[in-house]
Amino acid sequence: MSDIKIEKDIPIPAARSGRYGNMYPFAQMSAGDSFILLADTRQEKKKMARRISPTVYRFEKLHPGAEFITRTVDNGVRVWRVK
C-alpha cells in the first residue's frame, strides 16, 4: 500500500497571474498612461525589454481590447497603454 494520505475538503488556492503579473500595473492603467522601468546601461535596457515584452503580450491575450506599446528610452524602457 502507498503511504500517500488522501485528504478531503482542502480549499484550492486562487490562481496566480504569473511571475510578473502583479509586479506591473497593467490592470490599473487607462489609455494614455505609462510607466518606466529604469535602467542605466544599454545591456540593462535590453534585459528589461526582453522581460517586459512577453508579460505585456500575455496580459493583452488575457484582456481583449487592452493594447500596449513598449519603447527603449534614454533612462530605461517605457510601457504605454494605447487602448
PDB file of N, CA and C in Angstrom:
ATOM      1  N   MET A   1       0.841  -1.195   0.000  1.00  0.00           N
ATOM      2  CA  MET A   1       0.000   0.000   0.000  1.00  0.00           C
ATOM      3  C   MET A   1       0.876   1.245   0.000  1.00  0.00           C
ATOM      4  N   SER A   2       0.310   2.304  -0.511  1.00  0.00           N
ATOM      5  CA  SER A   2       1.019   3.572  -0.592  1.00  0.00           C
ATOM      6  C   SER A   2       0.942   4.341   0.721  1.00  0.00           C
ATOM      7  N   ASP A   3       1.968   5.151   0.970  1.00  0.00           N
ATOM      8  CA  ASP A   3       1.978   5.999   2.166  1.00  0.00           C
ATOM      9  C   ASP A   3       1.324   7.347   1.914  1.00  0.00           C
ATOM     10  N   ILE A   4       0.731   7.511   0.744  1.00  0.00           N
ATOM     11  CA  ILE A   4       0.094   8.789   0.406  1.00  0.00           C
ATOM     12  C   ILE A   4      -1.278   8.834   1.062  1.00  0.00           C
ATOM     13  N   LYS A   5      -1.506   9.911   1.829  1.00  0.00           N
ATOM     14  CA  LYS A   5      -2.761  10.086   2.550  1.00  0.00           C
ATOM     15  C   LYS A   5      -3.733  10.909   1.704  1.00  0.00           C
ATOM     16  N   ILE A   6      -4.921  10.425   1.522  1.00  0.00           N
ATOM     17  CA  ILE A   6      -5.968  11.163   0.799  1.00  0.00           C
ATOM     18  C   ILE A   6      -6.661  12.087   1.784  1.00  0.00           C
ATOM     19  N   GLU A   7      -6.806  13.370   1.384  1.00  0.00           N
ATOM     20  CA  GLU A   7      -7.455  14.366   2.248  1.00  0.00           C
ATOM     21  C   GLU A   7      -8.682  14.919   1.548  1.00  0.00           C
ATOM     22  N   LYS A   8      -9.645  15.316   2.297  1.00  0.00           N
ATOM     23  CA  LYS A   8     -10.892  15.859   1.754  1.00  0.00           C
ATOM     24  C   LYS A   8     -11.080  17.310   2.188  1.00  0.00           C
ATOM     25  N   ASP A   9     -11.806  18.053   1.375  1.00  0.00           N
ATOM     26  CA  ASP A   9     -12.221  19.433   1.687  1.00  0.00           C
ATOM     27  C   ASP A   9     -11.053  20.387   1.904  1.00  0.00           C
ATOM     28  N   ILE A  10      -9.981  20.228   1.160  1.00  0.00           N
ATOM     29  CA  ILE A  10      -8.862  21.166   1.194  1.00  0.00           C
ATOM     30  C   ILE A  10      -9.139  22.225   0.130  1.00  0.00           C
ATOM     31  N   PRO A  11      -9.264  23.520   0.499  1.00  0.00           N
ATOM     32  CA  PRO A  11      -9.573  24.552  -0.492  1.00  0.00           C
ATOM     33  C   PRO A  11      -8.437  24.747  -1.502  1.00  0.00           C
ATOM     34  N   ILE A  12      -8.821  25.025  -2.730  1.00  0.00           N
ATOM     35  CA  ILE A  12      -7.857  25.293  -3.794  1.00  0.00           C
ATOM     36  C   ILE A  12      -7.465  26.761  -3.726  1.00  0.00           C
ATOM     37  N   PRO A  13      -6.169  27.079  -3.682  1.00  0.00           N
ATOM     38  CA  PRO A  13      -5.756  28.490  -3.637  1.00  0.00           C
ATOM     39  C   PRO A  13      -6.072  29.199  -4.959  1.00  0.00           C
ATOM     40  N   ALA A  14      -6.251  30.496  -4.874  1.00  0.00           N
ATOM     41  CA  ALA A  14      -6.519  31.291  -6.074  1.00  0.00           C
ATOM     42  C   ALA A  14      -5.342  31.193  -7.031  1.00  0.00           C
ATOM     43  N   ALA A  15      -5.631  31.211  -8.323  1.00  0.00           N
ATOM     44  CA  ALA A  15      -4.576  31.149  -9.338  1.00  0.00           C
ATOM     45  C   ALA A  15      -3.784  32.441  -9.332  1.00  0.00           C
ATOM     46  N   ARG A  16      -2.500  32.302  -9.554  1.00  0.00           N
ATOM     47  CA  ARG A  16      -1.641  33.482  -9.673  1.00  0.00           C
ATOM     48  C   ARG A  16      -1.615  33.894 -11.126  1.00  0.00           C
ATOM     49  N   SER A  17      -1.357  35.164 -11.361  1.00  0.00           N
ATOM     50  CA  SER A  17      -1.363  35.658 -12.732  1.00  0.00           C
ATOM     51  C   SER A  17       0.011  35.572 -13.382  1.00  0.00           C
ATOM     52  N   GLY A  18       0.922  34.838 -12.810  1.00  0.00           N
ATOM     53  CA  GLY A  18       2.245  34.693 -13.391  1.00  0.00           C
ATOM     54  C   GLY A  18       3.294  35.373 -12.533  1.00  0.00           C
ATOM     55  N   ARG A  19       4.527  35.138 -12.880  1.00  0.00           N
ATOM     56  CA  ARG A  19       5.625  35.654 -12.072  1.00  0.00           C
ATOM     57  C   ARG A  19       5.610  37.166 -11.964  1.00  0.00           C
ATOM     58  N   TYR A  20       5.336  37.854 -13.077  1.00  0.00           N
ATOM     59  CA  TYR A  20       5.373  39.312 -13.084  1.00  0.00           C
ATOM     60  C   TYR A  20       3.978  39.933 -13.133  1.00  0.00           C
ATOM     61  N   GLY A  21       2.952  39.111 -13.103  1.00  0.00           N
ATOM     62  CA  GLY A  21       1.600  39.604 -13.280  1.00  0.00           C
ATOM     63  C   GLY A  21       1.186  40.701 -12.322  1.00  0.00           C
ATOM     64  N   ASN A  22       1.600  40.599 -11.077  1.00  0.00           N
ATOM     65  CA  ASN A  22       1.230  41.611 -10.091  1.00  0.00           C
ATOM     66  C   ASN A  22       2.313  42.659  -9.926  1.00  0.00           C
ATOM     67  N   MET A  23       3.443  42.473 -10.566  1.00  0.00           N
ATOM     68  CA  MET A  23       4.554  43.401 -10.448  1.00  0.00           C
ATOM     69  C   MET A  23       4.291  44.689 -11.244  1.00  0.00           C
ATOM     70  N   TYR A  24       3.610  44.546 -12.349  1.00  0.00           N
ATOM     71  CA  TYR A  24       3.370  45.683 -13.240  1.00  0.00           C
ATOM     72  C   TYR A  24       1.908  46.117 -13.148  1.00  0.00           C
ATOM     73  N   PRO A  25       1.618  47.422 -13.257  1.00  0.00           N
ATOM     74  CA  PRO A  25       0.262  47.927 -13.027  1.00  0.00           C
ATOM     75  C   PRO A  25      -0.639  47.923 -14.267  1.00  0.00           C
ATOM     76  N   PHE A  26      -0.554  46.901 -15.127  1.00  0.00           N
ATOM     77  CA  PHE A  26      -1.329  46.882 -16.368  1.00  0.00           C
ATOM     78  C   PHE A  26      -2.824  47.097 -16.143  1.00  0.00           C
ATOM     79  N   ALA A  27      -3.391  46.395 -15.179  1.00  0.00           N
ATOM     80  CA  ALA A  27      -4.839  46.437 -14.955  1.00  0.00           C
ATOM     81  C   ALA A  27      -5.316  47.804 -14.470  1.00  0.00           C
ATOM     82  N   GLN A  28      -4.451  48.569 -13.821  1.00  0.00           N
ATOM     83  CA  GLN A  28      -4.860  49.883 -13.309  1.00  0.00           C
ATOM     84  C   GLN A  28      -4.675  50.995 -14.338  1.00  0.00           C
ATOM     85  N   MET A  29      -4.093  50.667 -15.479  1.00  0.00           N
ATOM     86  CA  MET A  29      -3.776  51.705 -16.465  1.00  0.00           C
ATOM     87  C   MET A  29      -4.945  51.973 -17.403  1.00  0.00           C
ATOM     88  N   SER A  30      -5.065  53.222 -17.818  1.00  0.00           N
ATOM     89  CA  SER A  30      -6.025  53.649 -18.835  1.00  0.00           C
ATOM     90  C   SER A  30      -5.238  54.057 -20.071  1.00  0.00           C
ATOM     91  N   ALA A  31      -5.926  54.149 -21.209  1.00  0.00           N
ATOM     92  CA  ALA A  31      -5.266  54.589 -22.438  1.00  0.00           C
ATOM     93  C   ALA A  31      -4.575  55.925 -22.188  1.00  0.00           C
ATOM     94  N   GLY A  32      -3.323  56.040 -22.599  1.00  0.00           N
ATOM     95  CA  GLY A  32      -2.535  57.254 -22.392  1.00  0.00           C
ATOM     96  C   GLY A  32      -1.616  57.184 -21.184  1.00  0.00           C
ATOM     97  N   ASP A  33      -1.848  56.235 -20.281  1.00  0.00           N
ATOM     98  CA  ASP A  33      -0.986  56.066 -19.109  1.00  0.00           C
ATOM     99  C   ASP A  33       0.291  55.337 -19.514  1.00  0.00           C
ATOM    100  N   SER A  34       1.362  55.536 -18.752  1.00  0.00           N
ATOM    101  CA  SER A  34       2.609  54.823 -18.996  1.00  0.00           C
ATOM    102  C   SER A  34       3.372  54.668 -17.693  1.00  0.00           C
ATOM    103  N   PHE A  35       4.348  53.765 -17.712  1.00  0.00           N
ATOM    104  CA  PHE A  35       5.289  53.638 -16.605  1.00  0.00           C
ATOM    105  C   PHE A  35       6.648  53.315 -17.192  1.00  0.00           C
ATOM    106  N   ILE A  36       7.684  53.550 -16.399  1.00  0.00           N
ATOM    107  CA  ILE A  36       9.050  53.307 -16.870  1.00  0.00           C
ATOM    108  C   ILE A  36       9.744  52.292 -15.972  1.00  0.00           C
ATOM    109  N   LEU A  37      10.523  51.440 -16.611  1.00  0.00           N
ATOM    110  CA  LEU A  37      11.406  50.519 -15.918  1.00  0.00           C
ATOM    111  C   LEU A  37      12.804  51.094 -16.074  1.00  0.00           C
ATOM    112  N   LEU A  38      13.345  51.609 -15.007  1.00  0.00           N
ATOM    113  CA  LEU A  38      14.627  52.303 -15.068  1.00  0.00           C
ATOM    114  C   LEU A  38      15.786  51.341 -15.310  1.00  0.00           C
ATOM    115  N   ALA A  39      16.688  51.773 -16.172  1.00  0.00           N
ATOM    116  CA  ALA A  39      17.897  51.003 -16.472  1.00  0.00           C
ATOM    117  C   ALA A  39      18.975  51.977 -16.899  1.00  0.00           C
ATOM    118  N   ASP A  40      20.188  51.749 -16.446  1.00  0.00           N
ATOM    119  CA  ASP A  40      21.292  52.660 -16.726  1.00  0.00           C
ATOM    120  C   ASP A  40      22.050  52.329 -18.007  1.00  0.00           C
ATOM    121  N   THR A  41      22.288  51.062 -18.230  1.00  0.00           N
ATOM    122  CA  THR A  41      23.124  50.686 -19.364  1.00  0.00           C
ATOM    123  C   THR A  41      22.288  50.125 -20.507  1.00  0.00           C
ATOM    124  N   ARG A  42      22.901  50.087 -21.668  1.00  0.00           N
ATOM    125  CA  ARG A  42      22.222  49.522 -22.839  1.00  0.00           C
ATOM    126  C   ARG A  42      21.867  48.055 -22.597  1.00  0.00           C
ATOM    127  N   GLN A  43      22.770  47.326 -21.952  1.00  0.00           N
ATOM    128  CA  GLN A  43      22.535  45.914 -21.646  1.00  0.00           C
ATOM    129  C   GLN A  43      21.337  45.746 -20.704  1.00  0.00           C
ATOM    130  N   GLU A  44      21.234  46.585 -19.687  1.00  0.00           N
ATOM    131  CA  GLU A  44      20.103  46.521 -18.757  1.00  0.00           C
ATOM    132  C   GLU A  44      18.793  46.841 -19.470  1.00  0.00           C
ATOM    133  N   LYS A  45      18.832  47.807 -20.384  1.00  0.00           N
ATOM    134  CA  LYS A  45      17.636  48.154 -21.151  1.00  0.00           C
ATOM    135  C   LYS A  45      17.164  46.979 -22.000  1.00  0.00           C
ATOM    136  N   LYS A  46      18.101  46.296 -22.640  1.00  0.00           N
ATOM    137  CA  LYS A  46      17.752  45.125 -23.453  1.00  0.00           C
ATOM    138  C   LYS A  46      17.134  44.035 -22.585  1.00  0.00           C
ATOM    139  N   LYS A  47      17.715  43.825 -21.399  1.00  0.00           N
ATOM    140  CA  LYS A  47      17.202  42.819 -20.473  1.00  0.00           C
ATOM    141  C   LYS A  47      15.779  43.162 -20.041  1.00  0.00           C
ATOM    142  N   MET A  48      15.546  44.435 -19.709  1.00  0.00           N
ATOM    143  CA  MET A  48      14.205  44.876 -19.318  1.00  0.00           C
ATOM    144  C   MET A  48      13.216  44.681 -20.462  1.00  0.00           C
ATOM    145  N   ALA A  49      13.612  45.054 -21.665  1.00  0.00           N
ATOM    146  CA  ALA A  49      12.727  44.914 -22.825  1.00  0.00           C
ATOM    147  C   ALA A  49      12.383  43.445 -23.058  1.00  0.00           C
ATOM    148  N   ARG A  50      13.371  42.562 -22.931  1.00  0.00           N
ATOM    149  CA  ARG A  50      13.116  41.123 -23.116  1.00  0.00           C
ATOM    150  C   ARG A  50      12.205  40.576 -22.021  1.00  0.00           C
ATOM    151  N   ARG A  51      12.282  41.138 -20.842  1.00  0.00           N
ATOM    152  CA  ARG A  51      11.461  40.677 -19.727  1.00  0.00           C
ATOM    153  C   ARG A  51      10.019  41.190 -19.842  1.00  0.00           C
ATOM    154  N   ILE A  52       9.844  42.430 -20.213  1.00  0.00           N
ATOM    155  CA  ILE A  52       8.506  43.018 -20.197  1.00  0.00           C
ATOM    156  C   ILE A  52       7.669  42.617 -21.415  1.00  0.00           C
ATOM    157  N   SER A  53       8.300  42.423 -22.567  1.00  0.00           N
ATOM    158  CA  SER A  53       7.541  42.143 -23.794  1.00  0.00           C
ATOM    159  C   SER A  53       6.628  40.921 -23.689  1.00  0.00           C
ATOM    160  N   PRO A  54       7.109  39.756 -23.242  1.00  0.00           N
ATOM    161  CA  PRO A  54       6.190  38.622 -23.132  1.00  0.00           C
ATOM    162  C   PRO A  54       5.117  38.814 -22.067  1.00  0.00           C
ATOM    163  N   THR A  55       5.436  39.583 -21.036  1.00  0.00           N
ATOM    164  CA  THR A  55       4.458  39.855 -19.982  1.00  0.00           C
ATOM    165  C   THR A  55       3.327  40.716 -20.525  1.00  0.00           C
ATOM    166  N   VAL A  56       3.676  41.726 -21.307  1.00  0.00           N
ATOM    167  CA  VAL A  56       2.668  42.574 -21.962  1.00  0.00           C
ATOM    168  C   VAL A  56       1.817  41.720 -22.897  1.00  0.00           C
ATOM    169  N   TYR A  57       2.458  40.885 -23.686  1.00  0.00           N
ATOM    170  CA  TYR A  57       1.749  40.024 -24.641  1.00  0.00           C
ATOM    171  C   TYR A  57       0.729  39.140 -23.927  1.00  0.00           C
ATOM    172  N   ARG A  58       1.136  38.498 -22.826  1.00  0.00           N
ATOM    173  CA  ARG A  58       0.213  37.643 -22.073  1.00  0.00           C
ATOM    174  C   ARG A  58      -0.958  38.448 -21.511  1.00  0.00           C
ATOM    175  N   PHE A  59      -0.681  39.643 -20.991  1.00  0.00           N
ATOM    176  CA  PHE A  59      -1.762  40.463 -20.447  1.00  0.00           C
ATOM    177  C   PHE A  59      -2.757  40.820 -21.539  1.00  0.00           C
ATOM    178  N   GLU A  60      -2.247  41.197 -22.714  1.00  0.00           N
ATOM    179  CA  GLU A  60      -3.130  41.546 -23.831  1.00  0.00           C
ATOM    180  C   GLU A  60      -3.993  40.357 -24.245  1.00  0.00           C
ATOM    181  N   LYS A  61      -3.445  39.161 -24.252  1.00  0.00           N
ATOM    182  CA  LYS A  61      -4.204  37.961 -24.629  1.00  0.00           C
ATOM    183  C   LYS A  61      -5.282  37.641 -23.609  1.00  0.00           C
ATOM    184  N   LEU A  62      -4.995  37.880 -22.343  1.00  0.00           N
ATOM    185  CA  LEU A  62      -5.974  37.604 -21.290  1.00  0.00           C
ATOM    186  C   LEU A  62      -7.014  38.712 -21.147  1.00  0.00           C
ATOM    187  N   HIS A  63      -6.731  39.901 -21.711  1.00  0.00           N
ATOM    188  CA  HIS A  63      -7.630  41.048 -21.591  1.00  0.00           C
ATOM    189  C   HIS A  63      -7.863  41.645 -22.976  1.00  0.00           C
ATOM    190  N   PRO A  64      -8.748  41.007 -23.758  1.00  0.00           N
ATOM    191  CA  PRO A  64      -9.013  41.526 -25.104  1.00  0.00           C
ATOM    192  C   PRO A  64      -9.414  42.998 -25.062  1.00  0.00           C
ATOM    193  N   GLY A  65      -8.878  43.763 -25.978  1.00  0.00           N
ATOM    194  CA  GLY A  65      -9.144  45.196 -26.011  1.00  0.00           C
ATOM    195  C   GLY A  65      -8.026  46.023 -25.405  1.00  0.00           C
ATOM    196  N   ALA A  66      -7.219  45.419 -24.536  1.00  0.00           N
ATOM    197  CA  ALA A  66      -6.075  46.127 -23.956  1.00  0.00           C
ATOM    198  C   ALA A  66      -4.927  46.062 -24.955  1.00  0.00           C
ATOM    199  N   GLU A  67      -4.261  47.181 -25.148  1.00  0.00           N
ATOM    200  CA  GLU A  67      -3.131  47.220 -26.067  1.00  0.00           C
ATOM    201  C   GLU A  67      -2.041  48.121 -25.504  1.00  0.00           C
ATOM    202  N   PHE A  68      -0.802  47.645 -25.569  1.00  0.00           N
ATOM    203  CA  PHE A  68       0.339  48.350 -25.011  1.00  0.00           C
ATOM    204  C   PHE A  68       1.438  48.469 -26.050  1.00  0.00           C
ATOM    205  N   ILE A  69       2.286  49.469 -25.878  1.00  0.00           N
ATOM    206  CA  ILE A  69       3.484  49.647 -26.697  1.00  0.00           C
ATOM    207  C   ILE A  69       4.647  49.860 -25.737  1.00  0.00           C
ATOM    208  N   THR A  70       5.769  49.207 -26.015  1.00  0.00           N
ATOM    209  CA  THR A  70       6.977  49.419 -25.219  1.00  0.00           C
ATOM    210  C   THR A  70       8.055  50.020 -26.110  1.00  0.00           C
ATOM    211  N   ARG A  71       8.834  50.918 -25.519  1.00  0.00           N
ATOM    212  CA  ARG A  71       9.944  51.549 -26.235  1.00  0.00           C
ATOM    213  C   ARG A  71      11.112  51.733 -25.283  1.00  0.00           C
ATOM    214  N   THR A  72      12.306  51.545 -25.824  1.00  0.00           N
ATOM    215  CA  THR A  72      13.509  51.871 -25.074  1.00  0.00           C
ATOM    216  C   THR A  72      13.705  53.378 -25.150  1.00  0.00           C
ATOM    217  N   VAL A  73      13.882  54.007 -23.996  1.00  0.00           N
ATOM    218  CA  VAL A  73      14.074  55.458 -23.908  1.00  0.00           C
ATOM    219  C   VAL A  73      15.409  55.719 -23.202  1.00  0.00           C
ATOM    220  N   ASP A  74      15.781  56.978 -23.074  1.00  0.00           N
ATOM    221  CA  ASP A  74      17.093  57.334 -22.508  1.00  0.00           C
ATOM    222  C   ASP A  74      17.396  56.671 -21.170  1.00  0.00           C
ATOM    223  N   ASN A  75      16.420  56.633 -20.273  1.00  0.00           N
ATOM    224  CA  ASN A  75      16.700  56.137 -18.926  1.00  0.00           C
ATOM    225  C   ASN A  75      16.064  54.780 -18.615  1.00  0.00           C
ATOM    226  N   GLY A  76      15.657  54.031 -19.649  1.00  0.00           N
ATOM    227  CA  GLY A  76      15.091  52.708 -19.402  1.00  0.00           C
ATOM    228  C   GLY A  76      14.173  52.247 -20.503  1.00  0.00           C
ATOM    229  N   VAL A  77      13.127  51.519 -20.090  1.00  0.00           N
ATOM    230  CA  VAL A  77      12.110  51.024 -21.014  1.00  0.00           C
ATOM    231  C   VAL A  77      10.771  51.545 -20.529  1.00  0.00           C
ATOM    232  N   ARG A  78      10.022  52.198 -21.421  1.00  0.00           N
ATOM    233  CA  ARG A  78       8.715  52.753 -21.057  1.00  0.00           C
ATOM    234  C   ARG A  78       7.623  51.927 -21.708  1.00  0.00           C
ATOM    235  N   VAL A  79       6.528  51.715 -20.953  1.00  0.00           N
ATOM    236  CA  VAL A  79       5.370  50.981 -21.425  1.00  0.00           C
ATOM    237  C   VAL A  79       4.171  51.921 -21.411  1.00  0.00           C
ATOM    238  N   TRP A  80       3.508  52.052 -22.574  1.00  0.00           N
ATOM    239  CA  TRP A  80       2.300  52.867 -22.699  1.00  0.00           C
ATOM    240  C   TRP A  80       1.105  51.990 -22.949  1.00  0.00           C
ATOM    241  N   ARG A  81      -0.017  52.338 -22.334  1.00  0.00           N
ATOM    242  CA  ARG A  81      -1.276  51.687 -22.700  1.00  0.00           C
ATOM    243  C   ARG A  81      -1.910  52.564 -23.769  1.00  0.00           C
ATOM    244  N   VAL A  82      -2.203  51.986 -24.926  1.00  0.00           N
ATOM    245  CA  VAL A  82      -2.767  52.752 -26.028  1.00  0.00           C
ATOM    246  C   VAL A  82      -4.252  52.449 -26.238  1.00  0.00           C
ATOM    247  N   LYS A  83      -4.740  51.350 -25.707  1.00  0.00           N
ATOM    248  CA  LYS A  83      -6.191  51.017 -25.764  1.00  0.00           C
ATOM    249  C   LYS A  83      -6.587  50.378 -24.468  1.00  0.00           C
TER     250      LYS A  83
END
